[in-house]
Amino acid sequence: MKSLLVHVPTRQRIRRLTRPALLGTLRRTTPLSDRWGLDRGLPVDRYYIEAFLRSEQSVIRGRVLEIRDAGYTHKFGADAVRRSDVLDIDPGNPCATIVADLAAADVIPDNTFDCFIFTQTLQLIRDVPSALAHARRILRPGGVLLVTLPALCRIERANASTDYWRFTAPGARALFADVFGESHIDVRSYGNVLSAIAFLSGMATEELSASELEAFDPHYPLIIAVRATRSL
């Protein structure tokens, strides 16, 4: 059997000894929180999700659809929302006004919504192209789909058997351009290596500084956000 030890050149060993990695409480094989950091404060990915939705607040208006509950609809749409609907595949969800699988959502009429808030859910849908096609179909012309996608995330225990995908900015651009057209999408990334480590470890937003959260490194995205507009 080959040795699993990796040979480290002498120069690198010396550099590591003189500049040790100070991991502190992160030098562990279990997370600080097994609840995404909810028991410590605001999960780090939600900081970026809310930053994206806040930047698109002006389009959260009219008739708005959201996944699982209407929390972001009310938080960012407020009085601009004429009617709020909630989509869920689970018929046991008391918040759901529409029960359907987005990848097979024929029950929802065409041209229904002005805005669709679709956060951190596409990774749980096996047939991504069909889900995006239905998302476009149920928007009114000029309607906007606001999507966030995990670029880096632990496997969700409750959905371990259906947690299919992780996304990159180029991958998201290709997927959404195929459905909405290249000129009708805007793809953004949020995060850096520190916020990614903090999120995976179960740290909360409150445990990082504003400058640490706002630093952006395209090589270490935590979430990908997409604004997609249905053409007129």
C-alpha atoms as a PDB file:
ATOM      1  CA  MET A   1       0.000   0.000   0.000  1.00  0.00           C
ATOM      2  CA  LYS A   2       1.309   3.422  -0.893  1.00  0.00           C
ATOM      3  CA  SER A   3       1.960   5.838   1.947  1.00  0.00           C
ATOM      4  CA  LEU A   4      -0.725   8.502   2.408  1.00  0.00           C
ATOM      5  CA  LEU A   5       1.871  10.959   3.687  1.00  0.00           C
ATOM      6  CA  VAL A   6       2.573  13.811   1.294  1.00  0.00           C
ATOM      7  CA  HIS A   7       6.200  14.803   0.860  1.00  0.00           C
ATOM      8  CA  VAL A   8       6.682  18.435   1.809  1.00  0.00           C
ATOM      9  CA  PRO A   9       9.881  20.114   0.588  1.00  0.00           C
ATOM     10  CA  THR A  10      12.226  21.308   3.323  1.00  0.00           C
ATOM     11  CA  ARG A  11      11.729  24.975   2.421  1.00  0.00           C
ATOM     12  CA  GLN A  12       7.939  24.648   2.795  1.00  0.00           C
ATOM     13  CA  ARG A  13       8.313  22.817   6.134  1.00  0.00           C
ATOM     14  CA  ILE A  14      10.468  25.632   7.482  1.00  0.00           C
ATOM     15  CA  ARG A  15       8.011  28.278   6.257  1.00  0.00           C
ATOM     16  CA  ARG A  16       5.146  26.412   7.912  1.00  0.00           C
ATOM     17  CA  LEU A  17       7.016  26.236  11.232  1.00  0.00           C
ATOM     18  CA  THR A  18       7.885  29.926  11.188  1.00  0.00           C
ATOM     19  CA  ARG A  19       4.394  30.996  10.054  1.00  0.00           C
ATOM     20  CA  PRO A  20       1.962  28.480  11.596  1.00  0.00           C
ATOM     21  CA  ALA A  21      -1.714  28.474  10.663  1.00  0.00           C
ATOM     22  CA  LEU A  22      -3.567  29.682  13.753  1.00  0.00           C
ATOM     23  CA  LEU A  23      -6.898  27.917  13.412  1.00  0.00           C
ATOM     24  CA  GLY A  24      -7.872  28.221  17.063  1.00  0.00           C
ATOM     25  CA  THR A  25     -11.386  26.880  17.658  1.00  0.00           C
ATOM     26  CA  LEU A  26     -11.656  25.804  14.016  1.00  0.00           C
ATOM     27  CA  ARG A  27      -9.090  23.027  14.460  1.00  0.00           C
ATOM     28  CA  ARG A  28     -11.785  20.398  14.778  1.00  0.00           C
ATOM     29  CA  THR A  29     -13.517  17.816  12.605  1.00  0.00           C
ATOM     30  CA  THR A  30     -17.057  18.782  13.602  1.00  0.00           C
ATOM     31  CA  PRO A  31     -18.721  22.166  12.995  1.00  0.00           C
ATOM     32  CA  LEU A  32     -19.188  24.788  15.691  1.00  0.00           C
ATOM     33  CA  SER A  33     -22.876  24.680  14.792  1.00  0.00           C
ATOM     34  CA  ASP A  34     -24.801  21.950  13.036  1.00  0.00           C
ATOM     35  CA  ARG A  35     -27.619  24.383  12.258  1.00  0.00           C
ATOM     36  CA  TRP A  36     -25.834  26.605   9.702  1.00  0.00           C
ATOM     37  CA  GLY A  37     -24.946  28.979  12.563  1.00  0.00           C
ATOM     38  CA  LEU A  38     -28.601  29.762  13.331  1.00  0.00           C
ATOM     39  CA  ASP A  39     -28.006  29.050  17.001  1.00  0.00           C
ATOM     40  CA  ARG A  40     -25.181  31.606  16.982  1.00  0.00           C
ATOM     41  CA  GLY A  41     -26.799  34.345  14.897  1.00  0.00           C
ATOM     42  CA  LEU A  42     -27.459  34.973  11.189  1.00  0.00           C
ATOM     43  CA  PRO A  43     -25.966  32.300   8.885  1.00  0.00           C
ATOM     44  CA  VAL A  44     -23.241  33.756   6.694  1.00  0.00           C
ATOM     45  CA  ASP A  45     -24.906  32.723   3.437  1.00  0.00           C
ATOM     46  CA  ARG A  46     -28.065  34.584   4.463  1.00  0.00           C
ATOM     47  CA  TYR A  47     -26.032  37.762   4.851  1.00  0.00           C
ATOM     48  CA  TYR A  48     -25.198  37.570   1.142  1.00  0.00           C
ATOM     49  CA  ILE A  49     -28.685  36.416   0.128  1.00  0.00           C
ATOM     50  CA  GLU A  50     -30.200  39.420   1.859  1.00  0.00           C
ATOM     51  CA  ALA A  51     -27.596  41.761   0.379  1.00  0.00           C
ATOM     52  CA  PHE A  52     -28.601  40.570  -3.097  1.00  0.00           C
ATOM     53  CA  LEU A  53     -32.336  40.880  -2.439  1.00  0.00           C
ATOM     54  CA  ARG A  54     -31.872  44.326  -0.906  1.00  0.00           C
ATOM     55  CA  SER A  55     -30.072  45.448  -4.065  1.00  0.00           C
ATOM     56  CA  GLU A  56     -33.064  44.231  -6.126  1.00  0.00           C
ATOM     57  CA  GLN A  57     -35.743  45.518  -3.769  1.00  0.00           C
ATOM     58  CA  SER A  58     -37.391  47.683  -6.428  1.00  0.00           C
ATOM     59  CA  VAL A  59     -38.519  44.646  -8.471  1.00  0.00           C
ATOM     60  CA  ILE A  60     -40.131  42.836  -5.513  1.00  0.00           C
ATOM     61  CA  ARG A  61     -43.588  44.186  -6.222  1.00  0.00           C
ATOM     62  CA  GLY A  62     -46.982  43.279  -7.642  1.00  0.00           C
ATOM     63  CA  ARG A  63     -47.729  39.592  -7.393  1.00  0.00           C
ATOM     64  CA  VAL A  64     -44.754  37.802  -5.869  1.00  0.00           C
ATOM     65  CA  LEU A  65     -43.958  34.103  -5.544  1.00  0.00           C
ATOM     66  CA  GLU A  66     -41.501  32.706  -3.006  1.00  0.00           C
ATOM     67  CA  ILE A  67     -40.355  29.226  -2.006  1.00  0.00           C
ATOM     68  CA  ARG A  68     -41.426  27.649   1.337  1.00  0.00           C
ATOM     69  CA  ASP A  69     -42.517  30.876   3.042  1.00  0.00           C
ATOM     70  CA  ALA A  70     -42.986  34.562   2.259  1.00  0.00           C
ATOM     71  CA  GLY A  71     -40.379  35.963   4.642  1.00  0.00           C
ATOM     72  CA  TYR A  72     -38.251  37.733   2.039  1.00  0.00           C
ATOM     73  CA  THR A  73     -41.324  38.895   0.119  1.00  0.00           C
ATOM     74  CA  HIS A  74     -42.584  40.783   3.157  1.00  0.00           C
ATOM     75  CA  LYS A  75     -39.148  41.940   4.311  1.00  0.00           C
ATOM     76  CA  PHE A  76     -38.059  43.435   1.000  1.00  0.00           C
ATOM     77  CA  GLY A  77     -41.345  43.974  -0.845  1.00  0.00           C
ATOM     78  CA  ALA A  78     -43.535  45.373   1.950  1.00  0.00           C
ATOM     79  CA  ASP A  79     -46.284  47.651   0.594  1.00  0.00           C
ATOM     80  CA  ALA A  80     -45.170  47.201  -3.026  1.00  0.00           C
ATOM     81  CA  VAL A  81     -46.462  43.612  -2.949  1.00  0.00           C
ATOM     82  CA  ARG A  82     -50.088  43.333  -4.074  1.00  0.00           C
ATOM     83  CA  ARG A  83     -50.370  39.580  -3.557  1.00  0.00           C
ATOM     84  CA  SER A  84     -47.982  37.046  -2.054  1.00  0.00           C
ATOM     85  CA  ASP A  85     -47.890  33.337  -2.932  1.00  0.00           C
ATOM     86  CA  VAL A  86     -45.737  30.519  -1.593  1.00  0.00           C
ATOM     87  CA  LEU A  87     -44.652  27.476  -3.616  1.00  0.00           C
ATOM     88  CA  ASP A  88     -43.643  24.185  -2.017  1.00  0.00           C
ATOM     89  CA  ILE A  89     -43.535  20.565  -3.088  1.00  0.00           C
ATOM     90  CA  ASP A  90     -44.583  19.588   0.444  1.00  0.00           C
ATOM     91  CA  PRO A  91     -48.378  19.561   0.901  1.00  0.00           C
ATOM     92  CA  GLY A  92     -47.842  19.645   4.665  1.00  0.00           C
ATOM     93  CA  ASN A  93     -46.416  23.158   4.575  1.00  0.00           C
ATOM     94  CA  PRO A  94     -49.109  25.453   6.043  1.00  0.00           C
ATOM     95  CA  CYS A  95     -47.521  28.469   4.335  1.00  0.00           C
ATOM     96  CA  ALA A  96     -47.872  27.005   0.840  1.00  0.00           C
ATOM     97  CA  THR A  97     -50.555  28.495  -1.386  1.00  0.00           C
ATOM     98  CA  ILE A  98     -49.349  26.445  -4.377  1.00  0.00           C
ATOM     99  CA  VAL A  99     -48.223  22.825  -4.009  1.00  0.00           C
ATOM    100  CA  ALA A 100     -46.149  21.708  -6.991  1.00  0.00           C
ATOM    101  CA  ASP A 101     -42.760  20.532  -8.169  1.00  0.00           C
ATOM    102  CA  LEU A 102     -41.265  23.466 -10.069  1.00  0.00           C
ATOM    103  CA  ALA A 103     -39.784  21.056 -12.624  1.00  0.00           C
ATOM    104  CA  ALA A 104     -43.329  19.921 -13.475  1.00  0.00           C
ATOM    105  CA  ALA A 105     -45.386  22.951 -12.484  1.00  0.00           C
ATOM    106  CA  ASP A 106     -48.071  22.823 -15.178  1.00  0.00           C
ATOM    107  CA  VAL A 107     -50.666  23.605 -12.509  1.00  0.00           C
ATOM    108  CA  ILE A 108     -49.399  27.215 -12.399  1.00  0.00           C
ATOM    109  CA  PRO A 109     -50.796  29.347 -15.242  1.00  0.00           C
ATOM    110  CA  ASP A 110     -48.554  31.247 -17.664  1.00  0.00           C
ATOM    111  CA  ASN A 111     -47.823  34.950 -17.063  1.00  0.00           C
ATOM    112  CA  THR A 112     -48.833  34.929 -13.390  1.00  0.00           C
ATOM    113  CA  PHE A 113     -46.092  36.628 -11.361  1.00  0.00           C
ATOM    114  CA  ASP A 114     -44.239  39.934 -11.446  1.00  0.00           C
ATOM    115  CA  CYS A 115     -41.411  38.587  -9.302  1.00  0.00           C
ATOM    116  CA  PHE A 116     -40.257  35.142  -8.178  1.00  0.00           C
ATOM    117  CA  ILE A 117     -37.895  34.936  -5.185  1.00  0.00           C
ATOM    118  CA  PHE A 118     -36.122  31.607  -5.551  1.00  0.00           C
ATOM    119  CA  THR A 119     -33.408  31.248  -2.913  1.00  0.00           C
ATOM    120  CA  GLN A 120     -31.149  28.257  -2.152  1.00  0.00           C
ATOM    121  CA  THR A 121     -33.483  25.662  -3.652  1.00  0.00           C
ATOM    122  CA  LEU A 122     -32.393  24.875  -7.220  1.00  0.00           C
ATOM    123  CA  GLN A 123     -29.744  22.460  -5.895  1.00  0.00           C
ATOM    124  CA  LEU A 124     -32.593  20.244  -4.645  1.00  0.00           C
ATOM    125  CA  ILE A 125     -34.220  19.935  -8.081  1.00  0.00           C
ATOM    126  CA  ARG A 126     -32.839  17.197 -10.293  1.00  0.00           C
ATOM    127  CA  ASP A 127     -34.212  18.559 -13.578  1.00  0.00           C
ATOM    128  CA  VAL A 128     -32.768  22.066 -13.492  1.00  0.00           C
ATOM    129  CA  PRO A 129     -33.566  23.062 -17.121  1.00  0.00           C
ATOM    130  CA  SER A 130     -37.251  22.157 -16.697  1.00  0.00           C
ATOM    131  CA  ALA A 131     -37.443  24.092 -13.419  1.00  0.00           C
ATOM    132  CA  LEU A 132     -35.971  27.187 -15.065  1.00  0.00           C
ATOM    133  CA  ALA A 133     -38.287  26.858 -18.057  1.00  0.00           C
ATOM    134  CA  HIS A 134     -41.316  26.796 -15.746  1.00  0.00           C
ATOM    135  CA  ALA A 135     -39.893  29.701 -13.717  1.00  0.00           C
ATOM    136  CA  ARG A 136     -39.726  31.789 -16.886  1.00  0.00           C
ATOM    137  CA  ARG A 137     -43.145  30.651 -18.113  1.00  0.00           C
ATOM    138  CA  ILE A 138     -44.992  31.675 -14.945  1.00  0.00           C
ATOM    139  CA  LEU A 139     -43.464  35.159 -14.950  1.00  0.00           C
ATOM    140  CA  ARG A 140     -45.296  37.951 -16.717  1.00  0.00           C
ATOM    141  CA  PRO A 141     -43.417  39.651 -19.568  1.00  0.00           C
ATOM    142  CA  GLY A 142     -40.947  41.964 -17.833  1.00  0.00           C
ATOM    143  CA  GLY A 143     -41.183  39.886 -14.643  1.00  0.00           C
ATOM    144  CA  VAL A 144     -38.017  39.147 -12.691  1.00  0.00           C
ATOM    145  CA  LEU A 145     -36.635  35.928 -11.222  1.00  0.00           C
ATOM    146  CA  LEU A 146     -34.299  36.486  -8.251  1.00  0.00           C
ATOM    147  CA  VAL A 147     -32.239  33.359  -7.611  1.00  0.00           C
ATOM    148  CA  THR A 148     -29.484  32.450  -5.172  1.00  0.00           C
ATOM    149  CA  LEU A 149     -27.466  29.259  -5.542  1.00  0.00           C
ATOM    150  CA  PRO A 150     -24.941  27.540  -3.289  1.00  0.00           C
ATOM    151  CA  ALA A 151     -21.399  27.542  -4.611  1.00  0.00           C
ATOM    152  CA  LEU A 152     -20.068  25.998  -1.406  1.00  0.00           C
ATOM    153  CA  CYS A 153     -22.294  24.353   1.176  1.00  0.00           C
ATOM    154  CA  ARG A 154     -22.561  21.304   3.418  1.00  0.00           C
ATOM    155  CA  ILE A 155     -25.030  18.568   2.519  1.00  0.00           C
ATOM    156  CA  GLU A 156     -28.397  19.395   4.039  1.00  0.00           C
ATOM    157  CA  ARG A 157     -29.309  16.520   6.353  1.00  0.00           C
ATOM    158  CA  ALA A 158     -33.065  16.721   5.778  1.00  0.00           C
ATOM    159  CA  ASN A 159     -32.555  16.524   2.003  1.00  0.00           C
ATOM    160  CA  ALA A 160     -29.413  14.404   1.804  1.00  0.00           C
ATOM    161  CA  SER A 161     -30.816  12.130  -0.897  1.00  0.00           C
ATOM    162  CA  THR A 162     -31.967  15.029  -3.104  1.00  0.00           C
ATOM    163  CA  ASP A 163     -29.177  17.576  -2.626  1.00  0.00           C
ATOM    164  CA  TYR A 164     -27.910  17.296  -6.206  1.00  0.00           C
ATOM    165  CA  TRP A 165     -25.927  20.333  -7.289  1.00  0.00           C
ATOM    166  CA  ARG A 166     -23.433  23.100  -6.497  1.00  0.00           C
ATOM    167  CA  PHE A 167     -22.947  26.005  -8.914  1.00  0.00           C
ATOM    168  CA  THR A 168     -20.287  28.311 -10.331  1.00  0.00           C
ATOM    169  CA  ALA A 169     -20.819  31.699 -11.931  1.00  0.00           C
ATOM    170  CA  PRO A 170     -20.007  30.432 -15.475  1.00  0.00           C
ATOM    171  CA  GLY A 171     -22.269  27.413 -14.947  1.00  0.00           C
ATOM    172  CA  ALA A 172     -25.149  29.580 -13.740  1.00  0.00           C
ATOM    173  CA  ARG A 173     -24.653  31.961 -16.661  1.00  0.00           C
ATOM    174  CA  ALA A 174     -24.853  29.092 -19.141  1.00  0.00           C
ATOM    175  CA  LEU A 175     -27.974  27.576 -17.525  1.00  0.00           C
ATOM    176  CA  PHE A 176     -29.921  30.818 -17.262  1.00  0.00           C
ATOM    177  CA  ALA A 177     -28.817  32.189 -20.647  1.00  0.00           C
ATOM    178  CA  ASP A 178     -30.225  29.069 -22.314  1.00  0.00           C
ATOM    179  CA  VAL A 179     -33.663  29.876 -20.864  1.00  0.00           C
ATOM    180  CA  PHE A 180     -33.834  33.670 -20.531  1.00  0.00           C
ATOM    181  CA  GLY A 181     -31.255  34.819 -23.079  1.00  0.00           C
ATOM    182  CA  GLU A 182     -27.792  36.177 -22.363  1.00  0.00           C
ATOM    183  CA  SER A 183     -28.881  39.817 -22.479  1.00  0.00           C
ATOM    184  CA  HIS A 184     -31.609  39.263 -19.879  1.00  0.00           C
ATOM    185  CA  ILE A 185     -29.496  37.864 -17.036  1.00  0.00           C
ATOM    186  CA  ASP A 186     -27.114  39.302 -14.478  1.00  0.00           C
ATOM    187  CA  VAL A 187     -24.920  36.847 -12.567  1.00  0.00           C
ATOM    188  CA  ARG A 188     -23.034  37.833  -9.396  1.00  0.00           C
ATOM    189  CA  SER A 189     -20.874  36.052  -6.833  1.00  0.00           C
ATOM    190  CA  TYR A 190     -20.550  36.760  -3.122  1.00  0.00           C
ATOM    191  CA  GLY A 191     -17.970  35.643  -0.579  1.00  0.00           C
ATOM    192  CA  ASN A 192     -14.308  34.985   0.076  1.00  0.00           C
ATOM    193  CA  VAL A 193     -12.195  32.238   1.627  1.00  0.00           C
ATOM    194  CA  LEU A 194     -12.780  33.475   5.188  1.00  0.00           C
ATOM    195  CA  SER A 195     -16.561  33.757   4.891  1.00  0.00           C
ATOM    196  CA  ALA A 196     -16.636  30.331   3.205  1.00  0.00           C
ATOM    197  CA  ILE A 197     -14.665  28.758   6.053  1.00  0.00           C
ATOM    198  CA  ALA A 198     -16.843  30.523   8.613  1.00  0.00           C
ATOM    199  CA  PHE A 199     -20.038  29.275   6.965  1.00  0.00           C
ATOM    200  CA  LEU A 200     -18.860  25.667   6.690  1.00  0.00           C
ATOM    201  CA  SER A 201     -17.759  25.779  10.325  1.00  0.00           C
ATOM    202  CA  GLY A 202     -21.132  27.045  11.520  1.00  0.00           C
ATOM    203  CA  MET A 203     -19.997  30.531  12.516  1.00  0.00           C
ATOM    204  CA  ALA A 204     -22.533  33.349  12.298  1.00  0.00           C
ATOM    205  CA  THR A 205     -22.442  36.685  10.516  1.00  0.00           C
ATOM    206  CA  GLU A 206     -22.070  38.473  13.839  1.00  0.00           C
ATOM    207  CA  GLU A 207     -18.708  36.747  14.390  1.00  0.00           C
ATOM    208  CA  LEU A 208     -17.152  38.384  11.328  1.00  0.00           C
ATOM    209  CA  SER A 209     -16.438  42.048  10.703  1.00  0.00           C
ATOM    210  CA  ALA A 210     -18.098  44.033   7.925  1.00  0.00           C
ATOM    211  CA  SER A 211     -14.838  44.235   6.004  1.00  0.00           C
ATOM    212  CA  GLU A 212     -14.372  40.464   6.255  1.00  0.00           C
ATOM    213  CA  LEU A 213     -17.872  39.839   4.952  1.00  0.00           C
ATOM    214  CA  GLU A 214     -17.705  42.396   2.166  1.00  0.00           C
ATOM    215  CA  ALA A 215     -14.359  41.247   0.764  1.00  0.00           C
ATOM    216  CA  PHE A 216     -14.949  39.475  -2.553  1.00  0.00           C
ATOM    217  CA  ASP A 217     -12.750  36.828  -4.140  1.00  0.00           C
ATOM    218  CA  PRO A 218     -14.118  35.305  -7.374  1.00  0.00           C
ATOM    219  CA  HIS A 219     -12.105  32.150  -6.717  1.00  0.00           C
ATOM    220  CA  TYR A 220     -13.870  31.498  -3.390  1.00  0.00           C
ATOM    221  CA  PRO A 221     -17.567  32.271  -3.919  1.00  0.00           C
ATOM    222  CA  LEU A 222     -20.004  31.208  -1.223  1.00  0.00           C
ATOM    223  CA  ILE A 223     -23.187  31.917  -3.165  1.00  0.00           C
ATOM    224  CA  ILE A 224     -24.075  32.781  -6.745  1.00  0.00           C
ATOM    225  CA  ALA A 225     -26.948  35.205  -7.361  1.00  0.00           C
ATOM    226  CA  VAL A 226     -28.861  35.609 -10.612  1.00  0.00           C
ATOM    227  CA  ARG A 227     -31.332  38.218 -11.760  1.00  0.00           C
ATOM    228  CA  ALA A 228     -33.195  36.927 -14.801  1.00  0.00           C
ATOM    229  CA  THR A 229     -35.841  38.982 -16.599  1.00  0.00           C
ATOM    230  CA  ARG A 230     -38.480  37.561 -18.894  1.00  0.00           C
ATOM    231  CA  SER A 231     -38.296  39.444 -22.165  1.00  0.00           C
ATOM    232  CA  LEU A 232     -41.282  41.525 -23.245  1.00  0.00           C
END
